[in-house]
Structure formats: structure tokens, C-alpha cells
Amino acid sequence: MADDLKARFQQAAQDVMNLSERPDNDTMLRLYALYKQGSEGDVSGPKPGFFDFVGTAKYDAWAKLAGTGSEEAMRRYIDLVAKLRG
């Protein structure tokens, strides 16, 4: 089961690169956060500086998923990519 989930997660990560339209910024942040949570677990390291707006937004989006299990994050990422693909 876990190997199948990881394979589907990796396929979804490839699929997201080939979407016909670029998702809006909120969806991109959600994709980023779910991918990071699924692949690395809870956010770690220092929060980017105040003037690093993109880095701060990514960090905050990932931090909101703290405590979410990697398998759950993978499933949510796969579901979101499938929804975006139509």
C-alpha cells in the first residue's frame, strides 16, 4: 500500500508539471505545502525573512499542515492534482 501511494504521489508530482493551465497562487501554495508535507514531514528550519514574500508564503502554507501525516498529505496532494487535471 505505501509503495503504491508513493508511486501515485510521484506520478502526481510529474502530472502537475503538465497541467494545461497554471493554477492560481492559492492553489499553487496548497500544492507546494502538501508536496513538502508528504515528502519531508513538518516544516523545519528558520522562517524566511520578512522581505522574502514568496518564501514566507510557502513556509506559512507548509507550517499550517504541521501534524498532518505524510500519507494523508500524499493522498490530499494526489486528489488535488486529479481535480486540477479534470
PDB file of N, CA and C in Angstrom:
ATOM      1  N   MET A   1       0.827  -1.205   0.000  1.00  0.00           N
ATOM      2  CA  MET A   1       0.000   0.000   0.000  1.00  0.00           C
ATOM      3  C   MET A   1       0.863   1.257   0.000  1.00  0.00           C
ATOM      4  N   ALA A   2       1.840   1.307   0.893  1.00  0.00           N
ATOM      5  CA  ALA A   2       2.672   2.510   0.993  1.00  0.00           C
ATOM      6  C   ALA A   2       3.468   2.744  -0.295  1.00  0.00           C
ATOM      7  N   ASP A   3       3.968   1.656  -0.895  1.00  0.00           N
ATOM      8  CA  ASP A   3       4.722   1.802  -2.142  1.00  0.00           C
ATOM      9  C   ASP A   3       3.826   2.304  -3.265  1.00  0.00           C
ATOM     10  N   ASP A   4       2.584   1.798  -3.317  1.00  0.00           N
ATOM     11  CA  ASP A   4       1.628   2.244  -4.326  1.00  0.00           C
ATOM     12  C   ASP A   4       1.304   3.720  -4.125  1.00  0.00           C
ATOM     13  N   LEU A   5       1.125   4.135  -2.885  1.00  0.00           N
ATOM     14  CA  LEU A   5       0.829   5.532  -2.578  1.00  0.00           C
ATOM     15  C   LEU A   5       1.994   6.423  -3.004  1.00  0.00           C
ATOM     16  N   LYS A   6       3.210   6.002  -2.693  1.00  0.00           N
ATOM     17  CA  LYS A   6       4.387   6.785  -3.090  1.00  0.00           C
ATOM     18  C   LYS A   6       4.500   6.890  -4.607  1.00  0.00           C
ATOM     19  N   ALA A   7       4.200   5.804  -5.312  1.00  0.00           N
ATOM     20  CA  ALA A   7       4.255   5.818  -6.775  1.00  0.00           C
ATOM     21  C   ALA A   7       3.197   6.778  -7.330  1.00  0.00           C
ATOM     22  N   ARG A   8       1.990   6.746  -6.760  1.00  0.00           N
ATOM     23  CA  ARG A   8       0.930   7.654  -7.213  1.00  0.00           C
ATOM     24  C   ARG A   8       1.283   9.105  -6.889  1.00  0.00           C
ATOM     25  N   PHE A   9       1.928   9.314  -5.745  1.00  0.00           N
ATOM     26  CA  PHE A   9       2.362  10.652  -5.332  1.00  0.00           C
ATOM     27  C   PHE A   9       3.407  11.190  -6.310  1.00  0.00           C
ATOM     28  N   GLN A  10       4.376  10.358  -6.655  1.00  0.00           N
ATOM     29  CA  GLN A  10       5.418  10.771  -7.601  1.00  0.00           C
ATOM     30  C   GLN A  10       4.828  11.037  -8.986  1.00  0.00           C
ATOM     31  N   GLN A  11       3.852  10.217  -9.389  1.00  0.00           N
ATOM     32  CA  GLN A  11       3.202  10.441 -10.679  1.00  0.00           C
ATOM     33  C   GLN A  11       2.423  11.757 -10.662  1.00  0.00           C
ATOM     34  N   ALA A  12       1.756  12.053  -9.556  1.00  0.00           N
ATOM     35  CA  ALA A  12       1.011  13.309  -9.437  1.00  0.00           C
ATOM     36  C   ALA A  12       1.966  14.500  -9.511  1.00  0.00           C
ATOM     37  N   ALA A  13       3.150  14.367  -8.911  1.00  0.00           N
ATOM     38  CA  ALA A  13       4.143  15.437  -8.959  1.00  0.00           C
ATOM     39  C   ALA A  13       4.590  15.689 -10.403  1.00  0.00           C
ATOM     40  N   GLN A  14       4.678  14.641 -11.203  1.00  0.00           N
ATOM     41  CA  GLN A  14       5.014  14.805 -12.621  1.00  0.00           C
ATOM     42  C   GLN A  14       3.828  15.397 -13.384  1.00  0.00           C
ATOM     43  N   ASP A  15       2.625  14.924 -13.061  1.00  0.00           N
ATOM     44  CA  ASP A  15       1.424  15.397 -13.742  1.00  0.00           C
ATOM     45  C   ASP A  15       1.205  16.893 -13.542  1.00  0.00           C
ATOM     46  N   VAL A  16       1.545  17.388 -12.366  1.00  0.00           N
ATOM     47  CA  VAL A  16       1.302  18.805 -12.072  1.00  0.00           C
ATOM     48  C   VAL A  16       2.150  19.703 -12.984  1.00  0.00           C
ATOM     49  N   MET A  17       3.266  19.184 -13.443  1.00  0.00           N
ATOM     50  CA  MET A  17       4.123  19.959 -14.354  1.00  0.00           C
ATOM     51  C   MET A  17       3.521  20.076 -15.753  1.00  0.00           C
ATOM     52  N   ASN A  18       2.561  19.208 -16.066  1.00  0.00           N
ATOM     53  CA  ASN A  18       1.986  19.171 -17.407  1.00  0.00           C
ATOM     54  C   ASN A  18       0.523  19.608 -17.447  1.00  0.00           C
ATOM     55  N   LEU A  19       0.101  20.379 -16.450  1.00  0.00           N
ATOM     56  CA  LEU A  19      -1.275  20.875 -16.455  1.00  0.00           C
ATOM     57  C   LEU A  19      -1.472  21.832 -17.620  1.00  0.00           C
ATOM     58  N   SER A  20      -2.663  21.835 -18.186  1.00  0.00           N
ATOM     59  CA  SER A  20      -2.924  22.704 -19.336  1.00  0.00           C
ATOM     60  C   SER A  20      -2.949  24.177 -18.937  1.00  0.00           C
ATOM     61  N   GLU A  21      -3.335  24.461 -17.686  1.00  0.00           N
ATOM     62  CA  GLU A  21      -3.338  25.837 -17.178  1.00  0.00           C
ATOM     63  C   GLU A  21      -2.596  25.884 -15.852  1.00  0.00           C
ATOM     64  N   ARG A  22      -1.910  26.989 -15.614  1.00  0.00           N
ATOM     65  CA  ARG A  22      -1.239  27.180 -14.328  1.00  0.00           C
ATOM     66  C   ARG A  22      -2.300  27.511 -13.281  1.00  0.00           C
ATOM     67  N   PRO A  23      -2.318  26.784 -12.161  1.00  0.00           N
ATOM     68  CA  PRO A  23      -3.290  27.086 -11.106  1.00  0.00           C
ATOM     69  C   PRO A  23      -3.055  28.471 -10.500  1.00  0.00           C
ATOM     70  N   ASP A  24      -4.075  29.000  -9.836  1.00  0.00           N
ATOM     71  CA  ASP A  24      -3.929  30.293  -9.164  1.00  0.00           C
ATOM     72  C   ASP A  24      -2.926  30.163  -8.017  1.00  0.00           C
ATOM     73  N   ASN A  25      -2.499  31.290  -7.487  1.00  0.00           N
ATOM     74  CA  ASN A  25      -1.444  31.296  -6.456  1.00  0.00           C
ATOM     75  C   ASN A  25      -1.834  30.525  -5.202  1.00  0.00           C
ATOM     76  N   ASP A  26      -3.094  30.635  -4.761  1.00  0.00           N
ATOM     77  CA  ASP A  26      -3.524  29.894  -3.565  1.00  0.00           C
ATOM     78  C   ASP A  26      -3.409  28.386  -3.785  1.00  0.00           C
ATOM     79  N   THR A  27      -3.815  27.941  -4.955  1.00  0.00           N
ATOM     80  CA  THR A  27      -3.727  26.514  -5.268  1.00  0.00           C
ATOM     81  C   THR A  27      -2.272  26.084  -5.376  1.00  0.00           C
ATOM     82  N   MET A  28      -1.433  26.929  -5.963  1.00  0.00           N
ATOM     83  CA  MET A  28      -0.002  26.615  -6.048  1.00  0.00           C
ATOM     84  C   MET A  28       0.603  26.470  -4.649  1.00  0.00           C
ATOM     85  N   LEU A  29       0.223  27.344  -3.735  1.00  0.00           N
ATOM     86  CA  LEU A  29       0.722  27.242  -2.361  1.00  0.00           C
ATOM     87  C   LEU A  29       0.241  25.956  -1.700  1.00  0.00           C
ATOM     88  N   ARG A  30      -1.018  25.589  -1.950  1.00  0.00           N
ATOM     89  CA  ARG A  30      -1.556  24.358  -1.376  1.00  0.00           C
ATOM     90  C   ARG A  30      -0.810  23.150  -1.940  1.00  0.00           C
ATOM     91  N   LEU A  31      -0.561  23.153  -3.245  1.00  0.00           N
ATOM     92  CA  LEU A  31       0.208  22.068  -3.854  1.00  0.00           C
ATOM     93  C   LEU A  31       1.603  21.974  -3.238  1.00  0.00           C
ATOM     94  N   TYR A  32       2.262  23.120  -3.113  1.00  0.00           N
ATOM     95  CA  TYR A  32       3.609  23.160  -2.537  1.00  0.00           C
ATOM     96  C   TYR A  32       3.605  22.585  -1.119  1.00  0.00           C
ATOM     97  N   ALA A  33       2.675  23.080  -0.299  1.00  0.00           N
ATOM     98  CA  ALA A  33       2.634  22.657   1.099  1.00  0.00           C
ATOM     99  C   ALA A  33       2.332  21.166   1.230  1.00  0.00           C
ATOM    100  N   LEU A  34       1.372  20.670   0.456  1.00  0.00           N
ATOM    101  CA  LEU A  34       1.047  19.243   0.523  1.00  0.00           C
ATOM    102  C   LEU A  34       2.210  18.394   0.036  1.00  0.00           C
ATOM    103  N   TYR A  35       2.889  18.850  -1.008  1.00  0.00           N
ATOM    104  CA  TYR A  35       4.048  18.100  -1.509  1.00  0.00           C
ATOM    105  C   TYR A  35       5.145  18.036  -0.439  1.00  0.00           C
ATOM    106  N   LYS A  36       5.458  19.176   0.145  1.00  0.00           N
ATOM    107  CA  LYS A  36       6.519  19.215   1.160  1.00  0.00           C
ATOM    108  C   LYS A  36       6.141  18.376   2.385  1.00  0.00           C
ATOM    109  N   GLN A  37       4.884  18.479   2.828  1.00  0.00           N
ATOM    110  CA  GLN A  37       4.439  17.714   3.988  1.00  0.00           C
ATOM    111  C   GLN A  37       4.487  16.221   3.676  1.00  0.00           C
ATOM    112  N   GLY A  38       4.083  15.854   2.465  1.00  0.00           N
ATOM    113  CA  GLY A  38       4.090  14.446   2.076  1.00  0.00           C
ATOM    114  C   GLY A  38       5.486  13.886   1.898  1.00  0.00           C
ATOM    115  N   SER A  39       6.406  14.698   1.439  1.00  0.00           N
ATOM    116  CA  SER A  39       7.756  14.197   1.171  1.00  0.00           C
ATOM    117  C   SER A  39       8.735  14.407   2.317  1.00  0.00           C
ATOM    118  N   GLU A  40       8.526  15.459   3.137  1.00  0.00           N
ATOM    119  CA  GLU A  40       9.505  15.765   4.187  1.00  0.00           C
ATOM    120  C   GLU A  40       8.929  15.795   5.601  1.00  0.00           C
ATOM    121  N   GLY A  41       7.612  15.855   5.735  1.00  0.00           N
ATOM    122  CA  GLY A  41       7.011  15.956   7.063  1.00  0.00           C
ATOM    123  C   GLY A  41       6.867  17.414   7.472  1.00  0.00           C
ATOM    124  N   ASP A  42       6.756  17.651   8.780  1.00  0.00           N
ATOM    125  CA  ASP A  42       6.538  19.006   9.292  1.00  0.00           C
ATOM    126  C   ASP A  42       7.655  19.961   8.882  1.00  0.00           C
ATOM    127  N   VAL A  43       7.277  21.218   8.711  1.00  0.00           N
ATOM    128  CA  VAL A  43       8.222  22.262   8.325  1.00  0.00           C
ATOM    129  C   VAL A  43       9.366  22.334   9.333  1.00  0.00           C
ATOM    130  N   SER A  44      10.550  22.616   8.828  1.00  0.00           N
ATOM    131  CA  SER A  44      11.704  22.742   9.713  1.00  0.00           C
ATOM    132  C   SER A  44      12.564  23.897   9.215  1.00  0.00           C
ATOM    133  N   GLY A  45      13.460  24.324  10.051  1.00  0.00           N
ATOM    134  CA  GLY A  45      14.344  25.418   9.678  1.00  0.00           C
ATOM    135  C   GLY A  45      13.725  26.769   9.990  1.00  0.00           C
ATOM    136  N   PRO A  46      14.516  27.810   9.876  1.00  0.00           N
ATOM    137  CA  PRO A  46      14.026  29.154  10.198  1.00  0.00           C
ATOM    138  C   PRO A  46      13.070  29.679   9.136  1.00  0.00           C
ATOM    139  N   LYS A  47      12.143  30.497   9.577  1.00  0.00           N
ATOM    140  CA  LYS A  47      11.214  31.138   8.655  1.00  0.00           C
ATOM    141  C   LYS A  47      11.988  32.174   7.840  1.00  0.00           C
ATOM    142  N   PRO A  48      11.700  32.256   6.526  1.00  0.00           N
ATOM    143  CA  PRO A  48      12.396  33.249   5.700  1.00  0.00           C
ATOM    144  C   PRO A  48      12.176  34.672   6.213  1.00  0.00           C
ATOM    145  N   GLY A  49      13.064  35.559   5.826  1.00  0.00           N
ATOM    146  CA  GLY A  49      12.985  36.946   6.261  1.00  0.00           C
ATOM    147  C   GLY A  49      11.722  37.648   5.783  1.00  0.00           C
ATOM    148  N   PHE A  50      11.404  38.738   6.429  1.00  0.00           N
ATOM    149  CA  PHE A  50      10.174  39.480   6.168  1.00  0.00           C
ATOM    150  C   PHE A  50      10.035  39.891   4.706  1.00  0.00           C
ATOM    151  N   PHE A  51      11.118  40.265   4.060  1.00  0.00           N
ATOM    152  CA  PHE A  51      11.038  40.752   2.687  1.00  0.00           C
ATOM    153  C   PHE A  51      11.074  39.640   1.635  1.00  0.00           C
ATOM    154  N   ASP A  52      11.208  38.400   2.084  1.00  0.00           N
ATOM    155  CA  ASP A  52      11.117  37.249   1.181  1.00  0.00           C
ATOM    156  C   ASP A  52       9.656  36.806   1.168  1.00  0.00           C
ATOM    157  N   PHE A  53       8.847  37.547   0.410  1.00  0.00           N
ATOM    158  CA  PHE A  53       7.400  37.334   0.430  1.00  0.00           C
ATOM    159  C   PHE A  53       7.009  35.941  -0.040  1.00  0.00           C
ATOM    160  N   VAL A  54       7.614  35.475  -1.116  1.00  0.00           N
ATOM    161  CA  VAL A  54       7.285  34.155  -1.642  1.00  0.00           C
ATOM    162  C   VAL A  54       7.727  33.071  -0.660  1.00  0.00           C
ATOM    163  N   GLY A  55       8.947  33.178  -0.168  1.00  0.00           N
ATOM    164  CA  GLY A  55       9.454  32.197   0.792  1.00  0.00           C
ATOM    165  C   GLY A  55       8.620  32.146   2.057  1.00  0.00           C
ATOM    166  N   THR A  56       8.201  33.317   2.538  1.00  0.00           N
ATOM    167  CA  THR A  56       7.363  33.378   3.741  1.00  0.00           C
ATOM    168  C   THR A  56       6.005  32.740   3.486  1.00  0.00           C
ATOM    169  N   ALA A  57       5.417  33.009   2.328  1.00  0.00           N
ATOM    170  CA  ALA A  57       4.108  32.430   1.990  1.00  0.00           C
ATOM    171  C   ALA A  57       4.211  30.903   1.914  1.00  0.00           C
ATOM    172  N   LYS A  58       5.273  30.401   1.299  1.00  0.00           N
ATOM    173  CA  LYS A  58       5.470  28.956   1.204  1.00  0.00           C
ATOM    174  C   LYS A  58       5.656  28.344   2.591  1.00  0.00           C
ATOM    175  N   TYR A  59       6.487  28.986   3.400  1.00  0.00           N
ATOM    176  CA  TYR A  59       6.753  28.490   4.748  1.00  0.00           C
ATOM    177  C   TYR A  59       5.457  28.427   5.554  1.00  0.00           C
ATOM    178  N   ASP A  60       4.682  29.529   5.511  1.00  0.00           N
ATOM    179  CA  ASP A  60       3.431  29.587   6.271  1.00  0.00           C
ATOM    180  C   ASP A  60       2.433  28.531   5.804  1.00  0.00           C
ATOM    181  N   ALA A  61       2.318  28.337   4.488  1.00  0.00           N
ATOM    182  CA  ALA A  61       1.392  27.330   3.956  1.00  0.00           C
ATOM    183  C   ALA A  61       1.786  25.933   4.431  1.00  0.00           C
ATOM    184  N   TRP A  62       3.087  25.656   4.425  1.00  0.00           N
ATOM    185  CA  TRP A  62       3.576  24.358   4.879  1.00  0.00           C
ATOM    186  C   TRP A  62       3.371  24.211   6.383  1.00  0.00           C
ATOM    187  N   ALA A  63       3.651  25.263   7.137  1.00  0.00           N
ATOM    188  CA  ALA A  63       3.522  25.214   8.596  1.00  0.00           C
ATOM    189  C   ALA A  63       2.082  24.928   9.024  1.00  0.00           C
ATOM    190  N   LYS A  64       1.102  25.368   8.237  1.00  0.00           N
ATOM    191  CA  LYS A  64      -0.306  25.117   8.568  1.00  0.00           C
ATOM    192  C   LYS A  64      -0.643  23.629   8.549  1.00  0.00           C
ATOM    193  N   LEU A  65       0.166  22.838   7.875  1.00  0.00           N
ATOM    194  CA  LEU A  65      -0.078  21.393   7.788  1.00  0.00           C
ATOM    195  C   LEU A  65       0.655  20.604   8.871  1.00  0.00           C
ATOM    196  N   ALA A  66       1.307  21.298   9.795  1.00  0.00           N
ATOM    197  CA  ALA A  66       2.053  20.623  10.859  1.00  0.00           C
ATOM    198  C   ALA A  66       1.150  19.609  11.559  1.00  0.00           C
ATOM    199  N   GLY A  67       1.683  18.418  11.752  1.00  0.00           N
ATOM    200  CA  GLY A  67       0.928  17.360  12.407  1.00  0.00           C
ATOM    201  C   GLY A  67       0.169  16.466  11.444  1.00  0.00           C
ATOM    202  N   THR A  68       0.044  16.878  10.194  1.00  0.00           N
ATOM    203  CA  THR A  68      -0.599  16.047   9.185  1.00  0.00           C
ATOM    204  C   THR A  68       0.374  14.943   8.785  1.00  0.00           C
ATOM    205  N   GLY A  69      -0.075  13.727   8.817  1.00  0.00           N
ATOM    206  CA  GLY A  69       0.783  12.610   8.455  1.00  0.00           C
ATOM    207  C   GLY A  69       1.186  12.664   6.992  1.00  0.00           C
ATOM    208  N   SER A  70       2.349  12.114   6.684  1.00  0.00           N
ATOM    209  CA  SER A  70       2.834  12.180   5.313  1.00  0.00           C
ATOM    210  C   SER A  70       1.902  11.442   4.350  1.00  0.00           C
ATOM    211  N   GLU A  71       1.346  10.304   4.779  1.00  0.00           N
ATOM    212  CA  GLU A  71       0.442   9.563   3.892  1.00  0.00           C
ATOM    213  C   GLU A  71      -0.833  10.360   3.619  1.00  0.00           C
ATOM    214  N   GLU A  72      -1.355  11.025   4.627  1.00  0.00           N
ATOM    215  CA  GLU A  72      -2.544  11.866   4.439  1.00  0.00           C
ATOM    216  C   GLU A  72      -2.232  13.019   3.487  1.00  0.00           C
ATOM    217  N   ALA A  73      -1.078  13.649   3.669  1.00  0.00           N
ATOM    218  CA  ALA A  73      -0.680  14.752   2.780  1.00  0.00           C
ATOM    219  C   ALA A  73      -0.514  14.253   1.345  1.00  0.00           C
ATOM    220  N   MET A  74       0.055  13.067   1.188  1.00  0.00           N
ATOM    221  CA  MET A  74       0.203  12.497  -0.154  1.00  0.00           C
ATOM    222  C   MET A  74      -1.157  12.280  -0.801  1.00  0.00           C
ATOM    223  N   ARG A  75      -2.091  11.709  -0.042  1.00  0.00           N
ATOM    224  CA  ARG A  75      -3.433  11.467  -0.586  1.00  0.00           C
ATOM    225  C   ARG A  75      -4.105  12.776  -0.990  1.00  0.00           C
ATOM    226  N   ARG A  76      -3.996  13.792  -0.151  1.00  0.00           N
ATOM    227  CA  ARG A  76      -4.614  15.082  -0.459  1.00  0.00           C
ATOM    228  C   ARG A  76      -3.960  15.726  -1.679  1.00  0.00           C
ATOM    229  N   TYR A  77      -2.652  15.571  -1.823  1.00  0.00           N
ATOM    230  CA  TYR A  77      -1.932  16.095  -2.989  1.00  0.00           C
ATOM    231  C   TYR A  77      -2.409  15.385  -4.256  1.00  0.00           C
ATOM    232  N   ILE A  78      -2.473  14.065  -4.216  1.00  0.00           N
ATOM    233  CA  ILE A  78      -2.929  13.275  -5.362  1.00  0.00           C
ATOM    234  C   ILE A  78      -4.343  13.685  -5.762  1.00  0.00           C
ATOM    235  N   ASP A  79      -5.227  13.843  -4.775  1.00  0.00           N
ATOM    236  CA  ASP A  79      -6.610  14.238  -5.052  1.00  0.00           C
ATOM    237  C   ASP A  79      -6.676  15.627  -5.681  1.00  0.00           C
ATOM    238  N   LEU A  80      -5.882  16.551  -5.174  1.00  0.00           N
ATOM    239  CA  LEU A  80      -5.886  17.920  -5.711  1.00  0.00           C
ATOM    240  C   LEU A  80      -5.374  17.929  -7.151  1.00  0.00           C
ATOM    241  N   VAL A  81      -4.311  17.205  -7.432  1.00  0.00           N
ATOM    242  CA  VAL A  81      -3.780  17.155  -8.792  1.00  0.00           C
ATOM    243  C   VAL A  81      -4.816  16.526  -9.731  1.00  0.00           C
ATOM    244  N   ALA A  82      -5.476  15.470  -9.280  1.00  0.00           N
ATOM    245  CA  ALA A  82      -6.504  14.832 -10.114  1.00  0.00           C
ATOM    246  C   ALA A  82      -7.629  15.810 -10.417  1.00  0.00           C
ATOM    247  N   LYS A  83      -8.020  16.590  -9.427  1.00  0.00           N
ATOM    248  CA  LYS A  83      -9.079  17.595  -9.620  1.00  0.00           C
ATOM    249  C   LYS A  83      -8.632  18.645 -10.640  1.00  0.00           C
ATOM    250  N   LEU A  84      -7.383  19.075 -10.556  1.00  0.00           N
ATOM    251  CA  LEU A  84      -6.863  20.076 -11.472  1.00  0.00           C
ATOM    252  C   LEU A  84      -6.744  19.559 -12.902  1.00  0.00           C
ATOM    253  N   ARG A  85      -6.480  18.274 -13.022  1.00  0.00           N
ATOM    254  CA  ARG A  85      -6.360  17.669 -14.352  1.00  0.00           C
ATOM    255  C   ARG A  85      -7.722  17.523 -15.017  1.00  0.00           C
ATOM    256  N   GLY A  86      -8.770  17.537 -14.191  1.00  0.00           N
ATOM    257  CA  GLY A  86     -10.123  17.435 -14.739  1.00  0.00           C
ATOM    258  C   GLY A  86     -10.502  16.040 -14.866  1.00  0.00           C
TER     259      GLY A  86
END
